[in-house]
Structure formats: structure tokens, C-alpha cells
C-alpha atoms as a PDB file:
ATOM      1  CA  SER A   1       5.465-118.373  52.804  1.00  0.00           C
ATOM      2  CA  GLY A   2       6.530-120.679  55.918  1.00  0.00           C
ATOM      3  CA  HIS A   3       8.928-118.503  56.389  1.00  0.00           C
ATOM      4  CA  ASP A   4       7.531-114.919  55.097  1.00  0.00           C
ATOM      5  CA  TRP A   5       7.032-111.845  57.987  1.00  0.00           C
ATOM      6  CA  TRP A   6       3.940-113.674  59.227  1.00  0.00           C
ATOM      7  CA  HIS A   7       6.286-116.677  60.585  1.00  0.00           C
ATOM      8  CA  ILE A   8       7.867-113.323  61.963  1.00  0.00           C
ATOM      9  CA  VAL A   9       5.383-112.113  63.822  1.00  0.00           C
ATOM     10  CA  ARG A  10       4.501-115.774  65.192  1.00  0.00           C
ATOM     11  CA  VAL A  11       7.891-116.324  66.638  1.00  0.00           C
ATOM     12  CA  ARG A  12       8.175-112.671  67.796  1.00  0.00           C
ATOM     13  CA  ASN A  13       4.339-113.142  69.622  1.00  0.00           C
ATOM     14  CA  LEU A  14       5.720-117.103  71.291  1.00  0.00           C
ATOM     15  CA  ALA A  15       9.016-115.610  71.802  1.00  0.00           C
ATOM     16  CA  ARG A  16       7.142-112.902  73.802  1.00  0.00           C
ATOM     17  CA  PHE A  17       5.232-115.231  75.880  1.00  0.00           C
ATOM     18  CA  ILE A  18       7.985-117.359  76.761  1.00  0.00           C
ATOM     19  CA  ASN A  19      10.108-115.080  78.189  1.00  0.00           C
ATOM     20  CA  GLU A  20       7.085-113.625  79.832  1.00  0.00           C
ATOM     21  CA  MET A  21       6.412-116.658  81.723  1.00  0.00           C
ATOM     22  CA  GLU A  22      10.274-117.828  82.308  1.00  0.00           C
ATOM     23  CA  GLN A  23      11.735-114.320  82.996  1.00  0.00           C
ATOM     24  CA  LEU A  24      15.045-114.784  81.075  1.00  0.00           C
ATOM     25  CA  ALA A  25      15.553-112.627  79.186  1.00  0.00           C
ATOM     26  CA  ASP A  26      15.641-108.596  78.116  1.00  0.00           C
ATOM     27  CA  PRO A  27      12.470-108.504  76.096  1.00  0.00           C
ATOM     28  CA  PHE A  28      13.330-105.582  73.243  1.00  0.00           C
ATOM     29  CA  ILE A  29      16.637-108.239  72.773  1.00  0.00           C
ATOM     30  CA  VAL A  30      14.140-111.541  72.554  1.00  0.00           C
ATOM     31  CA  GLU A  31      12.182-108.912  69.934  1.00  0.00           C
ATOM     32  CA  ILE A  32      14.972-108.120  68.331  1.00  0.00           C
ATOM     33  CA  THR A  33      16.578-111.208  67.897  1.00  0.00           C
ATOM     34  CA  ALA A  34      12.523-112.552  67.472  1.00  0.00           C
ATOM     35  CA  LEU A  35      12.415-110.675  64.169  1.00  0.00           C
ATOM     36  CA  LEU A  36      15.867-110.857  62.629  1.00  0.00           C
ATOM     37  CA  HIS A  37      16.459-114.499  63.021  1.00  0.00           C
ATOM     38  CA  ASP A  38      15.772-115.779  59.909  1.00  0.00           C
ATOM     39  CA  THR A  39      17.108-112.846  57.921  1.00  0.00           C
ATOM     40  CA  ALA A  40      20.089-114.627  56.812  1.00  0.00           C
ATOM     41  CA  ASP A  41      18.389-118.832  57.054  1.00  0.00           C
ATOM     42  CA  SER A  42      20.582-120.566  54.582  1.00  0.00           C
ATOM     43  CA  LYS A  43      17.388-122.455  52.858  1.00  0.00           C
ATOM     44  CA  PHE A  44      16.479-118.696  51.695  1.00  0.00           C
ATOM     45  CA  ALA A  45      19.520-116.562  51.555  1.00  0.00           C
ATOM     46  CA  ALA A  46      22.123-117.419  49.007  1.00  0.00           C
ATOM     47  CA  ASP A  47      24.949-116.190  50.866  1.00  0.00           C
ATOM     48  CA  SER A  48      24.549-116.954  54.699  1.00  0.00           C
ATOM     49  CA  GLU A  49      27.428-114.490  55.421  1.00  0.00           C
ATOM     50  CA  LYS A  50      26.100-111.808  53.530  1.00  0.00           C
ATOM     51  CA  GLY A  51      23.185-111.914  55.568  1.00  0.00           C
ATOM     52  CA  TYR A  52      25.235-111.234  58.990  1.00  0.00           C
ATOM     53  CA  LEU A  53      26.581-108.811  58.381  1.00  0.00           C
ATOM     54  CA  LEU A  54      23.447-107.228  57.022  1.00  0.00           C
ATOM     55  CA  ILE A  55      22.520-107.558  59.921  1.00  0.00           C
ATOM     56  CA  SER A  56      25.362-106.408  61.919  1.00  0.00           C
ATOM     57  CA  GLU A  57      25.086-103.784  59.586  1.00  0.00           C
ATOM     58  CA  PHE A  58      21.557-102.727  61.155  1.00  0.00           C
ATOM     59  CA  MET A  59      22.256-102.966  64.251  1.00  0.00           C
ATOM     60  CA  ASP A  60      25.060-100.876  64.196  1.00  0.00           C
ATOM     61  CA  LYS A  61      23.352 -98.032  62.492  1.00  0.00           C
ATOM     62  CA  ASN A  62      20.953 -98.247  64.663  1.00  0.00           C
ATOM     63  CA  GLY A  63      22.815 -97.864  67.976  1.00  0.00           C
ATOM     64  CA  LEU A  64      22.377-101.642  69.000  1.00  0.00           C
ATOM     65  CA  SER A  65      26.203-102.386  69.009  1.00  0.00           C
ATOM     66  CA  THR A  66      26.334-103.654  72.336  1.00  0.00           C
ATOM     67  CA  ILE A  67      23.901-106.238  72.506  1.00  0.00           C
ATOM     68  CA  ARG A  68      24.871-107.510  68.221  1.00  0.00           C
ATOM     69  CA  ASP A  69      27.631-110.316  68.867  1.00  0.00           C
ATOM     70  CA  GLN A  70      24.249-112.134  71.729  1.00  0.00           C
ATOM     71  CA  VAL A  71      21.890-111.722  68.936  1.00  0.00           C
ATOM     72  CA  LEU A  72      23.957-112.889  65.818  1.00  0.00           C
ATOM     73  CA  ASN A  73      25.187-115.776  68.275  1.00  0.00           C
ATOM     74  CA  VAL A  74      21.208-117.034  69.007  1.00  0.00           C
ATOM     75  CA  ILE A  75      20.932-116.143  64.516  1.00  0.00           C
ATOM     76  CA  LYS A  76      23.623-118.805  63.621  1.00  0.00           C
ATOM     77  CA  ASN A  77      22.655-121.537  66.495  1.00  0.00           C
ATOM     78  CA  ILE A  78      18.694-121.202  66.084  1.00  0.00           C
ATOM     79  CA  SER A  79      18.203-123.714  63.072  1.00  0.00           C
ATOM     80  CA  PHE A  80      17.135-126.993  64.123  1.00  0.00           C
ATOM     81  CA  SER A  81      20.524-128.337  60.926  1.00  0.00           C
ATOM     82  CA  SER A  82      22.912-126.050  63.056  1.00  0.00           C
ATOM     83  CA  LYS A  83      26.378-126.759  61.855  1.00  0.00           C
ATOM     84  CA  SER A  84      27.444-125.479  65.792  1.00  0.00           C
ATOM     85  CA  THR A  85      28.436-128.632  67.560  1.00  0.00           C
ATOM     86  CA  ARG A  86      28.189-126.443  71.235  1.00  0.00           C
ATOM     87  CA  VAL A  87      25.004-125.981  73.008  1.00  0.00           C
ATOM     88  CA  LEU A  88      24.264-122.642  73.627  1.00  0.00           C
ATOM     89  CA  ASP A  89      24.077-121.719  77.158  1.00  0.00           C
ATOM     90  CA  ASP A  90      22.133-118.476  76.561  1.00  0.00           C
ATOM     91  CA  PRO A  91      18.678-117.940  78.029  1.00  0.00           C
ATOM     92  CA  LEU A  92      18.106-115.559  75.009  1.00  0.00           C
ATOM     93  CA  PHE A  93      18.957-118.519  72.529  1.00  0.00           C
ATOM     94  CA  TYR A  94      16.302-120.287  74.809  1.00  0.00           C
ATOM     95  CA  VAL A  95      13.384-118.053  74.198  1.00  0.00           C
ATOM     96  CA  VAL A  96      13.938-117.567  71.026  1.00  0.00           C
ATOM     97  CA  GLN A  97      14.600-120.868  69.391  1.00  0.00           C
ATOM     98  CA  ASP A  98      11.694-122.249  71.288  1.00  0.00           C
ATOM     99  CA  ALA A  99       9.325-120.195  69.613  1.00  0.00           C
ATOM    100  CA  ASP A 100      10.810-121.057  66.130  1.00  0.00           C
ATOM    101  CA  ARG A 101       9.853-124.059  66.982  1.00  0.00           C
ATOM    102  CA  LEU A 102       6.861-124.265  67.984  1.00  0.00           C
ATOM    103  CA  ASP A 103       6.339-122.686  65.322  1.00  0.00           C
ATOM    104  CA  ALA A 104       7.192-125.741  62.951  1.00  0.00           C
ATOM    105  CA  ILE A 105       4.489-127.930  65.204  1.00  0.00           C
ATOM    106  CA  GLY A 106       0.861-128.385  65.529  1.00  0.00           C
ATOM    107  CA  ALA A 107      -1.344-127.374  62.899  1.00  0.00           C
ATOM    108  CA  ILE A 108       0.331-123.991  61.331  1.00  0.00           C
ATOM    109  CA  GLY A 109       3.514-126.485  61.333  1.00  0.00           C
ATOM    110  CA  VAL A 110       1.543-129.081  59.369  1.00  0.00           C
ATOM    111  CA  ALA A 111       0.338-126.393  57.085  1.00  0.00           C
ATOM    112  CA  ARG A 112       3.962-125.079  56.892  1.00  0.00           C
ATOM    113  CA  ALA A 113       5.745-128.029  55.724  1.00  0.00           C
ATOM    114  CA  PHE A 114       3.496-128.776  53.122  1.00  0.00           C
ATOM    115  CA  ASN A 115       3.884-125.349  51.843  1.00  0.00           C
ATOM    116  CA  TYR A 116       7.597-126.012  51.844  1.00  0.00           C
ATOM    117  CA  GLY A 117       7.459-129.798  50.842  1.00  0.00           C
ATOM    118  CA  GLY A 118       5.266-127.700  47.445  1.00  0.00           C
ATOM    119  CA  PHE A 119       8.201-125.514  46.932  1.00  0.00           C
ATOM    120  CA  ARG A 120      10.646-128.000  46.675  1.00  0.00           C
ATOM    121  CA  ASN A 121       8.423-130.201  43.938  1.00  0.00           C
ATOM    122  CA  ASN A 122       8.874-132.978  47.171  1.00  0.00           C
ATOM    123  CA  LYS A 123       5.767-135.723  47.179  1.00  0.00           C
ATOM    124  CA  ILE A 124       2.999-135.605  49.858  1.00  0.00           C
ATOM    125  CA  PHE A 125       3.936-138.905  50.623  1.00  0.00           C
ATOM    126  CA  ASP A 126       5.477-142.282  49.394  1.00  0.00           C
ATOM    127  CA  PRO A 127       4.876-145.399  50.674  1.00  0.00           C
ATOM    128  CA  GLU A 128       7.898-146.954  49.160  1.00  0.00           C
ATOM    129  CA  VAL A 129       9.822-144.813  51.343  1.00  0.00           C
ATOM    130  CA  ILE A 130       8.191-145.149  54.730  1.00  0.00           C
ATOM    131  CA  SER A 131       8.097-149.101  55.770  1.00  0.00           C
ATOM    132  CA  GLN A 132       5.729-148.489  58.459  1.00  0.00           C
ATOM    133  CA  ILE A 133       4.474-145.669  61.281  1.00  0.00           C
ATOM    134  CA  GLY A 134       7.807-143.917  62.318  1.00  0.00           C
ATOM    135  CA  SER A 135      10.254-146.304  60.146  1.00  0.00           C
ATOM    136  CA  VAL A 136      11.642-143.460  58.077  1.00  0.00           C
ATOM    137  CA  ILE A 137      13.651-145.868  55.142  1.00  0.00           C
ATOM    138  CA  GLY A 138      14.465-142.464  52.916  1.00  0.00           C
ATOM    139  CA  THR A 139      13.711-138.796  52.220  1.00  0.00           C
ATOM    140  CA  SER A 140      11.953-137.945  49.773  1.00  0.00           C
ATOM    141  CA  SER A 141       8.147-137.072  50.952  1.00  0.00           C
ATOM    142  CA  THR A 142       7.112-133.627  53.124  1.00  0.00           C
ATOM    143  CA  ILE A 143       4.873-136.472  55.087  1.00  0.00           C
ATOM    144  CA  SER A 144       8.976-137.991  56.252  1.00  0.00           C
ATOM    145  CA  HIS A 145       9.591-134.700  57.333  1.00  0.00           C
ATOM    146  CA  PHE A 146       7.485-134.995  59.864  1.00  0.00           C
ATOM    147  CA  TYR A 147      10.001-138.582  61.036  1.00  0.00           C
ATOM    148  CA  GLU A 148      12.935-136.304  60.721  1.00  0.00           C
ATOM    149  CA  LYS A 149      11.793-133.199  62.577  1.00  0.00           C
ATOM    150  CA  LEU A 150       8.318-132.222  63.005  1.00  0.00           C
ATOM    151  CA  LEU A 151       7.959-135.163  65.369  1.00  0.00           C
ATOM    152  CA  LEU A 152      11.225-134.457  67.249  1.00  0.00           C
ATOM    153  CA  LEU A 153      10.935-131.136  68.209  1.00  0.00           C
ATOM    154  CA  LYS A 154       8.665-131.511  71.574  1.00  0.00           C
ATOM    155  CA  TYR A 155      11.716-133.390  73.026  1.00  0.00           C
ATOM    156  CA  ARG A 156      14.079-130.527  71.961  1.00  0.00           C
ATOM    157  CA  MET A 157      13.287-127.542  73.669  1.00  0.00           C
ATOM    158  CA  ASN A 158      14.759-125.725  76.265  1.00  0.00           C
ATOM    159  CA  THR A 159      12.017-123.760  78.784  1.00  0.00           C
ATOM    160  CA  LEU A 160       9.399-125.278  80.661  1.00  0.00           C
ATOM    161  CA  THR A 161       7.053-123.151  78.795  1.00  0.00           C
ATOM    162  CA  GLY A 162       8.316-124.840  75.651  1.00  0.00           C
ATOM    163  CA  LYS A 163       7.995-127.761  76.090  1.00  0.00           C
ATOM    164  CA  GLN A 164       4.432-127.161  77.445  1.00  0.00           C
ATOM    165  CA  LEU A 165       2.635-125.641  74.311  1.00  0.00           C
ATOM    166  CA  ALA A 166       4.855-127.876  72.482  1.00  0.00           C
ATOM    167  CA  ALA A 167       3.303-130.843  73.747  1.00  0.00           C
ATOM    168  CA  GLU A 168      -0.033-129.922  72.510  1.00  0.00           C
ATOM    169  CA  ARG A 169       0.805-129.057  68.940  1.00  0.00           C
ATOM    170  CA  HIS A 170       2.775-132.261  68.952  1.00  0.00           C
ATOM    171  CA  GLU A 171      -0.211-133.941  69.781  1.00  0.00           C
ATOM    172  CA  PHE A 172      -1.571-132.431  66.895  1.00  0.00           C
ATOM    173  CA  LEU A 173       1.044-133.950  64.982  1.00  0.00           C
ATOM    174  CA  GLU A 174      -0.213-137.324  66.031  1.00  0.00           C
ATOM    175  CA  VAL A 175      -3.222-136.567  65.403  1.00  0.00           C
ATOM    176  CA  PHE A 176      -3.513-135.923  61.957  1.00  0.00           C
ATOM    177  CA  LEU A 177      -0.735-138.205  61.263  1.00  0.00           C
ATOM    178  CA  LYS A 178      -2.733-141.480  62.269  1.00  0.00           C
ATOM    179  CA  GLU A 179      -5.813-139.624  59.933  1.00  0.00           C
ATOM    180  CA  PHE A 180      -3.629-139.050  56.977  1.00  0.00           C
ATOM    181  CA  TYR A 181      -2.806-143.147  57.321  1.00  0.00           C
ATOM    182  CA  LYS A 182      -6.252-143.656  57.940  1.00  0.00           C
ATOM    183  CA  GLU A 183      -7.538-141.916  54.641  1.00  0.00           C
ATOM    184  CA  TRP A 184      -3.993-143.107  52.557  1.00  0.00           C
ATOM    185  CA  GLU A 185      -5.399-146.539  52.927  1.00  0.00           C
ATOM    186  CA  PHE A 186      -8.396-146.017  52.492  1.00  0.00           C
ATOM    187  CA  ASN A 187     -11.034-149.507  52.754  1.00  0.00           C
ATOM    188  CA  ASN A 188     -14.204-149.046  52.106  1.00  0.00           C
ATOM    189  CA  LYS A 189     -15.833-152.569  53.508  1.00  0.00           C
ATOM    190  CA  SER A 190     -14.965-150.822  56.713  1.00  0.00           C
ATOM    191  CA  LEU A 191     -17.827-148.155  56.596  1.00  0.00           C
END
């Protein structure tokens, strides 16, 4: 459910807001890109290429051929783990990628991380994987995911508005982790 319809709605709303603040891209193209951005996500689609084909066909059938390539280019490169080695210099990309990344942090991001971790049958936390706060020595838990991805997103925002929104959401991640470790290492002598 971390990549369900409501994720799409949140990304669309965030993208619209960022674009209204930044005035970077055509509002319609921002919305259609946000609505379609996870259609071919490799985490859930068995065949990403088939997903890209579905997007192309949908856009062609609905009179959107003129923007199809731009939208597809953004969608193909939006992922944190995108295999693309080049940086897209496209304001549409900046807006939609920031919106998608913002939905991965803050309170919603924490909920999504644990939802996805459960879906993948990951441990919540493995103290043998993290030797100390911030020092990842392996991957096997949802808490590890915070260090591998979520805590990095604040520094990878493209727009000023994205950076401002990410700062607050990043702070929530840090507060959450501090409380998590406090509860994990509970010592009743401290009461």
C-alpha cells in the first residue's frame, strides 16, 4: 500500500504545490507525470518495459503524443535507484522527483518504510547490522533502509521548495530514530 492510489494522490498534490511555488513546468504535464510515475516501477511491475509501452499507448490514444517522450523520460529516471548515470536537466523532472521523494520521508515515509519492510518480510531492526547510529554494516532491516535511502533524500532535492519541505520531514525521521533506539535499548534503571 505504500505505492497505492493514495501515494499517487500525495505525489500529485506535492508536485502541484512545488510547481505552484517554483513555476517550473506546465501544470498539466506535472499532473499527468505524477499520476503515471509509478506505472512501470520495477519493484511492483514484473516487466518495466511493458509498463512504459502501456504509458506510451495511453498517451497516444488520449492526444498526448507531443509530451509523451518528456513524460516517459522523467518516469524512467525518477527512481532513487535509477540506473541512469546522467542527470536530467528538466524542470518537470525536478518537480515530480522532489514530490516522490518527499512522500518517502516524514511521518508518511516512516509508515511506508515499515509497510514495505513487512511486505518484503524484512526485520524491523537487527542490532548486529548497525554497529552504531548512522554506521550501516549490512542490509536486512527497515531501520537499515533509513540510512541507505531515507536520510539521504533531504540532500538530494532539486528545488528550493522541495528542500524546505524535506528539512522538516527529515527532522521527523531523526526524532523517530532517536525514540526508536531509546525504546530498543530500554533500561528501567533510567526511570
